[in-house]
Amino acid sequence: MFNGEWKEALARAKVRYRIPYTCRHTRASELLTAGIDSAYAAKQMGHTLEMFHRTYAEGIDEMRGAAQREKIRALGHEKPPLSQLDRNWTGENFEEKKRA
């Protein structure tokens, strides 16, 4: 029953089919990207803080790292190394693979 209604809602919204669970990960990513405190995000997701950290630890680390690198850039003293996430977004990985 739920799956049929879910498919209808996605079709009306013109969104490609995805399982509902995927939306939870999308929401967690949105919260982390927005810089929402992980304790608050965990509460929003219905997780304990421990579960939230265990499930989304990689995303949390990337977001914290990105924030710290931005602070270093703002100081203007050095250019910190790019994280894997930064390389993906800047296309550096693509350029490296093209050269190889």
C-alpha atoms as a PDB file:
ATOM      1  CA  MET A   1       0.000   0.000   0.000  1.00  0.00           C
ATOM      2  CA  PHE A   2       2.644   2.522   1.028  1.00  0.00           C
ATOM      3  CA  ASN A   3       4.862   1.771  -1.974  1.00  0.00           C
ATOM      4  CA  GLY A   4       2.078   2.604  -4.436  1.00  0.00           C
ATOM      5  CA  GLU A   5       1.387   5.926  -2.726  1.00  0.00           C
ATOM      6  CA  TRP A   6       5.124   6.634  -2.609  1.00  0.00           C
ATOM      7  CA  LYS A   7       5.480   6.000  -6.328  1.00  0.00           C
ATOM      8  CA  GLU A   8       2.507   8.279  -7.034  1.00  0.00           C
ATOM      9  CA  ALA A   9       3.954  11.081  -4.911  1.00  0.00           C
ATOM     10  CA  LEU A  10       7.307  10.824  -6.681  1.00  0.00           C
ATOM     11  CA  ALA A  11       5.621  10.848 -10.070  1.00  0.00           C
ATOM     12  CA  ARG A  12       3.608  13.967  -9.174  1.00  0.00           C
ATOM     13  CA  ALA A  13       6.793  15.658  -7.957  1.00  0.00           C
ATOM     14  CA  LYS A  14       8.594  14.506 -11.135  1.00  0.00           C
ATOM     15  CA  VAL A  15      11.281  12.850  -9.040  1.00  0.00           C
ATOM     16  CA  ARG A  16      12.987   9.661 -10.160  1.00  0.00           C
ATOM     17  CA  TYR A  17      12.044   6.608  -8.070  1.00  0.00           C
ATOM     18  CA  ARG A  18      14.072   6.050  -4.942  1.00  0.00           C
ATOM     19  CA  ILE A  19      13.394   3.978  -1.899  1.00  0.00           C
ATOM     20  CA  PRO A  20      12.162   6.027   1.061  1.00  0.00           C
ATOM     21  CA  TYR A  21      15.272   5.130   3.069  1.00  0.00           C
ATOM     22  CA  THR A  22      17.410   7.031   0.556  1.00  0.00           C
ATOM     23  CA  CYS A  23      15.562  10.209   1.498  1.00  0.00           C
ATOM     24  CA  ARG A  24      16.781   9.838   5.072  1.00  0.00           C
ATOM     25  CA  HIS A  25      20.371   9.906   3.842  1.00  0.00           C
ATOM     26  CA  THR A  26      19.584  12.922   1.691  1.00  0.00           C
ATOM     27  CA  ARG A  27      18.121  14.721   4.710  1.00  0.00           C
ATOM     28  CA  ALA A  28      21.121  13.847   6.884  1.00  0.00           C
ATOM     29  CA  SER A  29      23.438  15.186   4.160  1.00  0.00           C
ATOM     30  CA  GLU A  30      21.417  18.406   3.957  1.00  0.00           C
ATOM     31  CA  LEU A  31      21.666  18.894   7.705  1.00  0.00           C
ATOM     32  CA  LEU A  32      25.412  18.249   7.723  1.00  0.00           C
ATOM     33  CA  THR A  33      26.032  20.479   4.713  1.00  0.00           C
ATOM     34  CA  ALA A  34      24.091  23.290   6.377  1.00  0.00           C
ATOM     35  CA  GLY A  35      26.405  23.004   9.390  1.00  0.00           C
ATOM     36  CA  ILE A  36      23.663  21.844  11.741  1.00  0.00           C
ATOM     37  CA  ASP A  37      25.048  20.526  15.022  1.00  0.00           C
ATOM     38  CA  SER A  38      25.197  16.732  14.891  1.00  0.00           C
ATOM     39  CA  ALA A  39      23.281  16.365  18.196  1.00  0.00           C
ATOM     40  CA  TYR A  40      20.405  18.400  16.778  1.00  0.00           C
ATOM     41  CA  ALA A  41      20.575  16.572  13.440  1.00  0.00           C
ATOM     42  CA  ALA A  42      20.476  13.222  15.252  1.00  0.00           C
ATOM     43  CA  LYS A  43      17.335  14.320  17.072  1.00  0.00           C
ATOM     44  CA  GLN A  44      15.748  15.424  13.772  1.00  0.00           C
ATOM     45  CA  MET A  45      16.525  12.013  12.274  1.00  0.00           C
ATOM     46  CA  GLY A  46      15.220  10.107  15.301  1.00  0.00           C
ATOM     47  CA  HIS A  47      18.702   8.733  16.033  1.00  0.00           C
ATOM     48  CA  THR A  48      20.757   8.696  19.153  1.00  0.00           C
ATOM     49  CA  LEU A  49      23.891  10.789  18.758  1.00  0.00           C
ATOM     50  CA  GLU A  50      25.939   7.584  18.781  1.00  0.00           C
ATOM     51  CA  MET A  51      23.886   6.064  15.948  1.00  0.00           C
ATOM     52  CA  PHE A  52      24.044   9.277  13.934  1.00  0.00           C
ATOM     53  CA  HIS A  53      27.832   9.436  14.260  1.00  0.00           C
ATOM     54  CA  ARG A  54      28.214   5.762  13.401  1.00  0.00           C
ATOM     55  CA  THR A  55      25.970   6.069  10.331  1.00  0.00           C
ATOM     56  CA  TYR A  56      27.183   9.420   9.006  1.00  0.00           C
ATOM     57  CA  ALA A  57      30.749   9.606  10.374  1.00  0.00           C
ATOM     58  CA  GLU A  58      32.326   9.965   6.931  1.00  0.00           C
ATOM     59  CA  GLY A  59      30.056  12.860   6.023  1.00  0.00           C
ATOM     60  CA  ILE A  60      30.639  14.534   9.367  1.00  0.00           C
ATOM     61  CA  ASP A  61      34.414  14.223   8.956  1.00  0.00           C
ATOM     62  CA  GLU A  62      34.252  15.653   5.439  1.00  0.00           C
ATOM     63  CA  MET A  63      32.107  18.604   6.511  1.00  0.00           C
ATOM     64  CA  ARG A  64      34.331  19.384   9.501  1.00  0.00           C
ATOM     65  CA  GLY A  65      37.409  19.085   7.313  1.00  0.00           C
ATOM     66  CA  ALA A  66      35.921  21.375   4.673  1.00  0.00           C
ATOM     67  CA  ALA A  67      35.070  23.969   7.325  1.00  0.00           C
ATOM     68  CA  GLN A  68      38.579  23.815   8.771  1.00  0.00           C
ATOM     69  CA  ARG A  69      40.203  24.116   5.331  1.00  0.00           C
ATOM     70  CA  GLU A  70      38.031  27.160   4.609  1.00  0.00           C
ATOM     71  CA  LYS A  71      39.217  28.791   7.830  1.00  0.00           C
ATOM     72  CA  ILE A  72      42.819  28.183   6.796  1.00  0.00           C
ATOM     73  CA  ARG A  73      42.148  29.660   3.352  1.00  0.00           C
ATOM     74  CA  ALA A  74      40.569  32.727   4.985  1.00  0.00           C
ATOM     75  CA  LEU A  75      43.805  33.309   6.886  1.00  0.00           C
ATOM     76  CA  GLY A  76      45.626  33.479   3.581  1.00  0.00           C
ATOM     77  CA  HIS A  77      48.699  31.762   5.000  1.00  0.00           C
ATOM     78  CA  GLU A  78      48.617  28.492   3.175  1.00  0.00           C
ATOM     79  CA  LYS A  79      46.644  26.452   0.756  1.00  0.00           C
ATOM     80  CA  PRO A  80      45.561  23.273   2.551  1.00  0.00           C
ATOM     81  CA  PRO A  81      45.546  19.986   0.655  1.00  0.00           C
ATOM     82  CA  LEU A  82      42.269  19.092  -0.999  1.00  0.00           C
ATOM     83  CA  SER A  83      40.194  16.356   0.561  1.00  0.00           C
ATOM     84  CA  GLN A  84      38.705  13.583  -1.556  1.00  0.00           C
ATOM     85  CA  LEU A  85      35.382  15.446  -1.479  1.00  0.00           C
ATOM     86  CA  ASP A  86      37.047  18.669  -2.657  1.00  0.00           C
ATOM     87  CA  ARG A  87      38.821  16.807  -5.470  1.00  0.00           C
ATOM     88  CA  ASN A  88      35.525  15.297  -6.584  1.00  0.00           C
ATOM     89  CA  TRP A  89      33.774  18.683  -6.622  1.00  0.00           C
ATOM     90  CA  THR A  90      36.587  20.532  -8.367  1.00  0.00           C
ATOM     91  CA  GLY A  91      37.033  17.832 -10.984  1.00  0.00           C
ATOM     92  CA  GLU A  92      40.670  17.354 -10.025  1.00  0.00           C
ATOM     93  CA  ASN A  93      40.248  13.564  -9.986  1.00  0.00           C
ATOM     94  CA  PHE A  94      38.876  13.714 -13.529  1.00  0.00           C
ATOM     95  CA  GLU A  95      41.833  15.796 -14.719  1.00  0.00           C
ATOM     96  CA  GLU A  96      44.307  13.422 -13.046  1.00  0.00           C
ATOM     97  CA  LYS A  97      42.700  10.409 -14.712  1.00  0.00           C
ATOM     98  CA  LYS A  98      42.712  12.145 -18.093  1.00  0.00           C
ATOM     99  CA  ARG A  99      46.478  12.774 -17.814  1.00  0.00           C
ATOM    100  CA  ALA A 100      47.230   9.175 -16.814  1.00  0.00           C
END
